Protein backbone atom coordinates (compact mmCIF):
# COMPACT_ATOMS: atom_id res chain seq x y z
CA MET A 1 -20.73 -12.40 -20.51
CA THR A 2 -18.27 -10.94 -18.00
CA PRO A 3 -19.88 -10.41 -14.56
CA GLN A 4 -20.19 -6.80 -13.46
CA GLN A 5 -17.60 -5.77 -10.91
CA ALA A 6 -18.15 -3.43 -7.97
CA PHE A 7 -17.06 -0.30 -9.85
CA THR A 8 -17.95 -1.19 -13.43
CA GLY A 9 -19.26 1.94 -15.15
CA LEU A 10 -17.57 4.38 -12.76
CA ARG A 11 -14.83 6.78 -13.86
CA ILE A 12 -11.99 7.96 -11.61
CA LEU A 13 -9.93 11.00 -12.59
CA ASP A 14 -6.48 10.31 -11.16
CA PHE A 15 -3.99 13.15 -10.61
CA THR A 16 -1.77 11.10 -8.29
CA GLN A 17 1.82 9.99 -8.66
CA VAL A 18 4.55 7.92 -6.97
CA LEU A 19 3.04 5.17 -4.72
CA ALA A 20 0.24 5.93 -2.23
CA GLY A 21 -2.17 7.64 -4.64
CA PRO A 22 -1.57 5.44 -7.69
CA PHE A 23 -1.85 2.21 -5.71
CA ALA A 24 -5.13 3.44 -4.21
CA THR A 25 -6.70 4.16 -7.58
CA GLN A 26 -5.33 0.90 -8.97
CA GLN A 27 -7.48 -0.97 -6.44
CA LEU A 28 -10.53 0.71 -7.99
CA ALA A 29 -9.34 -0.04 -11.53
CA GLN A 30 -9.02 -3.74 -10.72
CA LEU A 31 -12.63 -3.68 -9.54
CA GLY A 32 -13.84 -2.33 -12.87
CA ALA A 33 -13.47 1.46 -12.68
CA ASP A 34 -12.22 3.40 -15.69
CA VAL A 35 -9.22 5.19 -14.14
CA ILE A 36 -7.85 8.03 -16.26
CA LYS A 37 -4.36 8.97 -15.14
CA VAL A 38 -3.54 12.65 -15.72
CA GLU A 39 0.21 13.15 -16.19
CA THR A 40 2.53 16.00 -17.02
CA ARG A 41 3.90 16.16 -20.54
CA GLU A 42 7.32 14.62 -21.22
CA THR A 43 8.10 13.32 -17.70
CA GLY A 44 4.81 12.03 -16.33
CA ASP A 45 4.54 10.26 -12.98
CA LEU A 46 7.76 10.48 -10.96
CA ALA A 47 7.50 6.74 -10.34
CA ARG A 48 8.10 6.03 -14.05
CA GLY A 49 11.80 6.39 -13.29
CA LEU A 50 11.85 5.31 -9.64
CA LEU A 51 14.03 2.34 -8.63
CA ALA A 52 14.90 1.75 -12.29
CA ASP A 53 18.16 0.95 -14.08
CA ILE A 54 16.75 1.81 -17.49
CA ASN A 55 14.78 4.90 -18.43
CA ASP A 56 11.89 3.48 -20.41
CA GLY A 57 9.14 5.01 -18.24
CA MET A 58 8.16 1.58 -16.97
CA ALA A 59 10.04 1.30 -13.69
CA PRO A 60 8.93 -1.51 -11.33
CA SER A 61 7.37 0.96 -8.90
CA PHE A 62 5.26 2.40 -11.72
CA LEU A 63 4.24 -0.97 -13.10
CA THR A 64 2.95 -2.23 -9.77
CA CYS A 65 0.77 0.85 -9.05
CA ASN A 66 -0.83 1.61 -12.41
CA LEU A 67 -2.30 -1.62 -13.72
CA GLY A 68 -5.42 -1.14 -15.82
CA LYS A 69 -5.32 2.65 -16.14
CA ARG A 70 -5.44 4.96 -19.15
CA SER A 71 -2.98 7.86 -19.44
CA ILE A 72 -3.56 11.37 -20.75
CA THR A 73 -0.83 14.03 -20.69
CA LEU A 74 -1.73 17.67 -20.02
CA ASP A 75 0.01 20.94 -19.19
CA LEU A 76 -2.31 21.94 -16.34
CA LYS A 77 -1.06 25.53 -16.42
CA LYS A 78 -2.67 26.13 -19.83
CA PRO A 79 -6.33 27.22 -20.07
CA GLN A 80 -7.10 24.64 -22.76
CA ALA A 81 -5.97 21.90 -20.38
CA LYS A 82 -8.33 23.14 -17.70
CA SER A 83 -11.17 22.99 -20.23
CA ILE A 84 -10.30 19.34 -20.91
CA ILE A 85 -10.24 18.61 -17.18
CA PHE A 86 -13.66 20.21 -16.73
CA LYS A 87 -15.07 17.99 -19.50
CA LEU A 88 -13.54 14.94 -17.84
CA VAL A 89 -14.90 15.92 -14.42
CA ALA A 90 -18.40 16.16 -15.88
CA THR A 91 -18.13 12.48 -16.83
CA SER A 92 -16.34 11.30 -13.67
CA ASP A 93 -17.50 9.92 -10.34
CA ALA A 94 -14.40 10.65 -8.28
CA VAL A 95 -11.26 12.77 -8.44
CA VAL A 96 -8.11 11.73 -6.58
CA GLU A 97 -5.02 13.93 -6.12
CA ASN A 98 -1.89 13.91 -3.99
CA PHE A 99 -0.30 17.25 -4.78
CA LYS A 100 1.07 19.47 -2.03
CA PRO A 101 -1.95 21.03 -0.24
CA GLY A 102 -3.06 24.19 -2.04
CA THR A 103 -1.74 23.16 -5.47
CA MET A 104 -5.12 22.15 -6.89
CA ALA A 105 -6.64 25.42 -5.66
CA ARG A 106 -3.92 27.42 -7.42
CA LEU A 107 -4.69 25.49 -10.61
CA GLY A 108 -8.39 26.27 -10.22
CA LEU A 109 -9.15 22.57 -9.73
CA ASP A 110 -10.06 22.46 -6.03
CA TYR A 111 -13.11 20.69 -4.64
CA GLN A 112 -15.45 23.65 -4.88
CA ALA A 113 -14.49 24.39 -8.49
CA LEU A 114 -15.08 20.79 -9.54
CA ARG A 115 -18.20 20.48 -7.42
CA ASP A 116 -19.70 23.36 -9.41
CA ILE A 117 -19.30 21.17 -12.49
CA LYS A 118 -20.30 17.84 -10.91
CA PRO A 119 -22.26 18.40 -7.66
CA ASP A 120 -22.04 14.74 -6.59
CA ILE A 121 -18.31 14.36 -7.21
CA VAL A 122 -16.22 12.44 -4.66
CA TYR A 123 -12.98 14.40 -4.25
CA ALA A 124 -10.10 12.71 -2.42
CA SER A 125 -6.87 14.44 -1.44
CA ILE A 126 -3.93 12.36 -0.19
CA SER A 127 -1.09 14.16 1.58
CA GLY A 128 1.59 13.71 4.20
CA TYR A 129 0.04 15.59 7.10
CA GLY A 130 -3.45 16.54 5.91
CA GLN A 131 -4.89 19.55 4.10
CA GLN A 132 -4.81 21.91 7.07
CA GLY A 133 -2.74 22.45 10.22
CA PRO A 134 0.76 23.69 11.11
CA LYS A 135 2.51 20.95 9.12
CA ALA A 136 0.10 20.69 6.20
CA GLU A 137 2.44 22.21 3.64
CA LEU A 138 5.54 20.25 4.63
CA PRO A 139 6.83 17.84 1.96
CA ALA A 140 6.37 14.24 3.03
CA PHE A 141 7.66 10.92 1.83
CA ASP A 142 7.34 7.49 3.37
CA GLY A 143 10.57 7.60 5.39
CA ALA A 144 9.80 11.03 6.85
CA ILE A 145 6.39 9.87 8.07
CA GLN A 146 7.87 6.69 9.54
CA ALA A 147 10.15 8.94 11.55
CA ALA A 148 7.60 11.62 12.51
CA SER A 149 4.85 9.18 13.48
CA GLY A 150 6.94 7.26 16.00
CA MET A 151 7.15 4.14 13.84
CA MET A 152 10.93 4.14 13.77
CA SER A 153 11.19 4.70 17.51
CA ILE A 154 9.63 1.28 18.13
CA SER A 155 11.55 -0.57 15.38
CA GLY A 156 15.16 -1.64 15.68
CA HIS A 157 17.61 -3.13 18.13
CA PRO A 158 18.90 -1.42 21.27
CA GLU A 159 22.44 -1.86 19.94
CA THR A 160 21.83 -0.21 16.56
CA GLY A 161 19.04 2.24 17.27
CA PRO A 162 15.86 3.05 15.30
CA VAL A 163 15.36 1.66 11.80
CA ARG A 164 12.82 2.22 9.05
CA SER A 165 11.01 -0.67 7.43
CA GLY A 166 12.62 -2.16 4.34
CA TYR A 167 9.50 -1.47 2.29
CA PHE A 168 7.21 1.55 1.82
CA SER A 169 4.95 0.68 4.74
CA VAL A 170 3.27 4.10 5.07
CA ASP A 171 2.77 4.64 1.34
CA MET A 172 1.17 1.26 0.76
CA SER A 173 -1.03 1.30 3.86
CA THR A 174 -2.14 4.85 3.01
CA ALA A 175 -3.11 3.57 -0.43
CA LEU A 176 -5.39 0.91 1.06
CA ASN A 177 -6.79 3.44 3.54
CA ALA A 178 -7.54 5.82 0.67
CA ALA A 179 -9.11 3.11 -1.48
CA PHE A 180 -11.40 2.21 1.42
CA ALA A 181 -12.36 5.86 2.03
CA ILE A 182 -13.11 6.45 -1.66
CA SER A 183 -15.14 3.24 -1.84
CA ALA A 184 -17.12 4.27 1.24
CA ALA A 185 -17.80 7.73 -0.20
CA LEU A 186 -18.95 6.24 -3.50
CA PHE A 187 -21.30 3.92 -1.62
CA ARG A 188 -22.62 6.86 0.41
CA ARG A 189 -23.21 8.73 -2.84
CA HIS A 190 -25.13 5.73 -4.14
CA ILE A 191 -27.38 5.90 -1.06
CA THR A 192 -27.73 9.69 -0.65
CA GLY A 193 -26.90 11.12 -4.06
CA GLU A 194 -24.34 13.41 -2.40
CA GLY A 195 -20.66 13.84 -3.19
CA GLN A 196 -18.00 14.17 -0.51
CA ARG A 197 -14.62 15.74 0.24
CA LEU A 198 -12.02 13.29 1.56
CA ASP A 199 -8.81 14.31 3.36
CA ILE A 200 -6.48 11.29 3.72
CA SER A 201 -3.10 11.74 5.37
CA MET A 202 -0.08 9.48 5.60
CA MET A 203 0.45 10.58 9.21
CA ASP A 204 -3.07 9.53 10.21
CA THR A 205 -2.57 6.19 8.50
CA ALA A 206 0.74 5.65 10.31
CA PHE A 207 -1.07 6.18 13.62
CA VAL A 208 -3.75 3.67 12.64
CA MET A 209 -1.06 1.13 11.77
CA GLN A 210 0.39 1.58 15.27
CA ALA A 211 -2.92 1.68 17.12
CA PRO A 212 -2.08 -1.10 19.65
CA GLN A 213 1.29 0.43 20.54
CA ILE A 214 -0.08 3.99 20.74
CA SER A 215 -3.03 2.81 22.81
CA LYS A 216 -0.64 1.10 25.22
CA TYR A 217 1.41 4.29 25.58
CA LEU A 218 -1.65 6.51 26.07
CA THR A 219 -3.05 4.08 28.64
CA THR A 220 0.11 3.37 30.62
CA GLY A 221 2.39 6.32 29.83
CA THR A 222 5.21 3.88 29.09
CA GLU A 223 7.26 4.39 25.92
CA PRO A 224 7.85 1.13 23.99
CA ALA A 225 11.43 -0.11 24.00
CA LEU A 226 13.37 -1.26 20.96
CA LEU A 227 12.76 -5.00 20.89
CA GLY A 228 14.51 -6.04 17.70
CA ASN A 229 12.62 -9.01 16.25
CA ALA A 230 10.85 -9.84 19.50
CA SER A 231 7.07 -9.58 19.67
CA PRO A 232 5.66 -6.30 21.04
CA THR A 233 4.07 -8.54 23.68
CA GLU A 234 7.65 -9.12 24.99
CA GLN A 235 7.00 -12.86 25.31
CA PRO A 236 10.35 -14.73 25.04
CA THR A 237 8.60 -17.52 23.11
CA ALA A 238 7.74 -15.07 20.31
CA ASN A 239 10.89 -14.01 18.51
CA VAL A 240 13.19 -14.68 15.57
CA PHE A 241 15.63 -17.50 16.28
CA ALA A 242 18.69 -18.69 14.38
CA THR A 243 18.51 -22.27 13.12
CA GLN A 244 21.25 -24.44 11.68
CA ASP A 245 20.73 -23.01 8.19
CA GLY A 246 18.73 -19.80 8.56
CA PHE A 247 16.19 -18.06 10.74
CA ILE A 248 12.70 -18.88 11.96
CA GLN A 249 9.99 -16.67 13.43
CA VAL A 250 8.11 -18.35 16.28
CA VAL A 251 4.96 -16.70 17.63
CA ALA A 252 4.01 -18.75 20.68
CA LEU A 253 1.87 -16.16 22.49
CA ARG A 254 -0.96 -18.07 24.11
CA ASP A 255 -0.16 -20.26 27.11
CA PRO A 256 -0.91 -23.57 25.32
CA GLN A 257 1.36 -22.49 22.45
CA ALA A 258 4.19 -21.51 24.79
CA GLN A 259 3.82 -24.80 26.64
CA ALA A 260 3.82 -26.81 23.39
CA PHE A 261 6.90 -24.91 22.18
CA LEU A 262 8.89 -25.52 25.35
CA ASP A 263 7.73 -29.15 25.54
CA LEU A 264 8.91 -29.67 21.95
CA LEU A 265 12.35 -28.35 22.88
CA GLY A 266 12.51 -30.62 25.92
CA CYS A 267 12.18 -27.63 28.26
CA SER A 268 8.94 -28.49 30.01
CA GLU A 269 10.45 -27.45 33.32
CA LEU A 270 10.70 -23.85 32.08
CA TYR A 271 6.95 -23.71 31.52
CA LEU A 272 6.27 -25.26 34.93
CA LYS A 273 8.62 -22.73 36.52
CA TYR A 274 7.19 -19.76 34.60
CA ALA A 275 3.59 -20.69 33.90
CA LYS A 276 2.23 -17.15 33.68
CA PRO A 277 3.03 -14.73 30.80
CA ALA A 278 4.29 -12.01 33.19
CA GLN A 279 6.68 -14.52 34.76
CA ARG A 280 8.05 -15.54 31.38
CA ILE A 281 8.59 -11.89 30.41
CA ARG A 282 10.63 -11.29 33.58
CA ALA A 283 12.65 -14.42 32.84
CA SER A 284 13.18 -13.64 29.15
CA ALA A 285 16.98 -13.72 29.29
CA GLU A 286 17.04 -17.06 31.10
CA ILE A 287 14.53 -18.64 28.70
CA ALA A 288 16.31 -17.31 25.61
CA ALA A 289 19.65 -18.65 26.83
CA VAL A 290 18.15 -22.15 26.97
CA ILE A 291 16.07 -22.27 23.79
CA GLN A 292 18.34 -20.44 21.32
CA PRO A 293 21.13 -23.06 21.18
CA LEU A 294 18.55 -25.84 20.92
CA LEU A 295 16.93 -24.24 17.86
CA ALA A 296 20.35 -23.60 16.31
CA ALA A 297 21.12 -27.33 16.40
CA GLN A 298 18.63 -28.28 13.65
CA PRO A 299 17.72 -26.83 10.20
CA THR A 300 14.70 -24.61 9.63
CA ALA A 301 12.69 -27.29 7.79
CA TYR A 302 13.05 -29.64 10.74
CA TRP A 303 11.65 -27.08 13.17
CA LEU A 304 8.82 -26.00 10.84
CA GLU A 305 7.60 -29.58 10.59
CA LYS A 306 7.76 -30.07 14.36
CA LEU A 307 6.22 -26.70 15.26
CA ASN A 308 3.39 -27.00 12.75
CA ALA A 309 2.55 -30.47 14.03
CA ALA A 310 2.48 -29.09 17.59
CA GLY A 311 0.18 -26.22 16.64
CA VAL A 312 2.79 -23.54 17.33
CA PRO A 313 2.63 -20.60 14.85
CA ALA A 314 5.96 -20.36 13.02
CA ALA A 315 7.40 -19.40 9.65
CA ALA A 316 10.78 -19.39 7.99
CA ILE A 317 12.34 -15.99 7.26
CA GLN A 318 12.06 -16.13 3.49
CA THR A 319 13.73 -13.99 0.86
CA LEU A 320 11.53 -12.31 -1.75
CA ALA A 321 12.66 -14.99 -4.20
CA GLN A 322 11.38 -17.66 -1.83
CA ALA A 323 8.22 -15.79 -0.88
CA THR A 324 7.12 -15.12 -4.47
CA ALA A 325 7.63 -18.81 -5.26
CA ASP A 326 5.63 -19.92 -2.19
CA GLU A 327 2.99 -22.51 -3.03
CA GLN A 328 0.34 -20.65 -1.01
CA VAL A 329 1.03 -17.40 -2.87
CA ASN A 330 0.61 -19.23 -6.16
CA HIS A 331 -2.55 -20.93 -4.93
CA ARG A 332 -4.04 -17.55 -4.01
CA LEU A 333 -3.13 -16.04 -7.40
CA SER A 334 -1.54 -13.10 -5.59
CA LEU A 335 0.74 -12.48 -8.56
CA THR A 336 -0.18 -12.13 -12.21
CA GLU A 337 1.81 -11.88 -15.43
CA ILE A 338 1.04 -8.94 -17.71
CA PRO A 339 2.48 -7.80 -21.04
CA ARG A 340 5.23 -5.23 -20.52
CA PRO A 341 4.34 -2.14 -22.59
CA GLY A 342 6.81 -1.62 -25.40
CA ASP A 343 8.33 -5.06 -24.89
CA THR A 344 7.71 -8.50 -26.32
CA GLY A 345 7.94 -10.20 -22.94
CA GLY A 346 5.79 -10.26 -19.86
CA VAL A 347 6.34 -9.14 -16.29
CA THR A 348 4.86 -10.51 -13.06
CA GLN A 349 3.16 -8.06 -10.70
CA VAL A 350 1.20 -8.03 -7.43
CA VAL A 351 -2.56 -7.92 -7.93
CA SER A 352 -5.31 -6.48 -5.74
CA ALA A 353 -4.99 -6.71 -1.96
CA GLY A 354 -8.61 -7.83 -1.60
CA HIS A 355 -9.15 -11.48 -2.49
CA ILE A 356 -12.71 -11.22 -3.76
CA CYS A 357 -14.20 -14.48 -4.89
CA GLU A 358 -16.25 -15.30 -7.97
CA PRO A 359 -18.19 -14.14 -9.85
CA ALA A 360 -16.40 -10.76 -9.93
CA PRO A 361 -12.82 -10.94 -8.58
CA PRO A 362 -10.28 -8.19 -9.21
CA ILE A 363 -8.87 -8.30 -12.73
CA VAL A 364 -6.22 -6.38 -14.63
CA GLN A 365 -8.06 -4.58 -17.41
CA ARG A 366 -4.91 -3.66 -19.34
CA PRO A 367 -1.16 -3.22 -18.77
CA PRO A 368 0.14 -0.02 -17.16
CA PRO A 369 -0.08 2.77 -19.73
CA ARG A 370 2.77 4.31 -21.64
CA LEU A 371 3.02 8.05 -21.01
CA GLY A 372 0.10 9.72 -22.76
CA GLU A 373 -0.85 6.47 -24.49
CA HIS A 374 -4.58 7.19 -24.40
CA THR A 375 -4.54 10.97 -24.81
CA ASP A 376 -6.07 11.03 -28.28
CA SER A 377 -8.70 8.33 -27.62
CA ILE A 378 -9.82 10.08 -24.40
CA LEU A 379 -10.13 13.40 -26.23
CA LEU A 380 -12.10 11.75 -29.03
CA ASP A 381 -14.47 10.30 -26.42
CA LEU A 382 -14.95 13.85 -25.06
CA GLY A 383 -16.03 15.07 -28.51
CA TYR A 384 -12.82 16.68 -29.74
CA SER A 385 -12.19 16.41 -33.49
CA GLN A 386 -8.99 15.09 -35.01
CA GLN A 387 -8.15 18.63 -36.12
CA SER A 388 -8.65 20.13 -32.65
CA ILE A 389 -6.58 17.32 -31.10
CA ALA A 390 -3.76 18.04 -33.55
CA LYS A 391 -3.93 21.71 -32.54
CA LEU A 392 -3.71 20.79 -28.85
CA HIS A 393 -0.58 18.79 -29.60
CA SER A 394 1.02 21.60 -31.61
CA ASP A 395 0.23 24.07 -28.81
CA ALA A 396 1.89 21.71 -26.28
CA VAL A 397 -1.31 21.46 -24.25
CA VAL A 398 -1.34 17.65 -24.47
């Protein structure tokens, strides 16, 4: 018998698309929830064609955010579709949407309308800037929030200026923030019997991700400088250094680590001369001029062995090909192979961010759904007859 997971028996009605919303609800699906993905007819989730060379509706960005879900297609502007939604809401525990603020209200599917059907519903809205306020209705994507939140102003090199991260840092962190908020609201409902309205914004999440830097600015009034690959602590012993055959990130922050690092390089006199962190920061240029050519004289593997043995935190700058083949990643089962819908082969994807141990770890219930794959079976579960389902198809409702 399969052990019960945290959300076994719960149903999530998922109106989200692209990355932040779908990845949030996927976390719940991998913990046992029945996530029903509501998509538009014909095109579906925008991510089905995002970052893809072929138009099969199974782009990498879609695959990685929709594991284990079921898909139903609906034209939400038609009254019959709203009736289907109301029936689904009556059987659901949470609703998650990431439309532009006000869209669900115009469709007659806002929190109050759905609360009238299911008083204890958890209703989560994910948006760029929040549901209210002077910027609430502005369109927002990951890069725009990286810029608006100050993230880009503290990333980059002085020579080249601000840069955005090479991955969707705000989208993916917002997803985990949303999954946590929904989980907390479901637990609160379990305790109190009450539903809850959740307002999750990408901008808020971006601030949380920068909390140490923002706190430093608010406390000192000093704007962070562009430090390139150096640590925000500004310690010269915490940076990316070129080796003979690549690059290595060294994070020698604590005094014993800095001392061990400089001793290893044969630069013990530098630590004796600059024993305090503030002294080393002021002497950053001098220290870097000494240690950089020493590190460049040997290959990365040589330095990793020496630094690890000395207890100095360090890692090679790996490509994605190297990182996904890392023995620790494989040991942790961070990746899993799933059947690719509509294909005879499989595809490897990232699994849940939370490494929950036995007896109920995250699992992939099923592959990502083809567009509308489960429409008929979901309608049958709701009590619709085969004849009425055929009529809904002919009327272009589903």
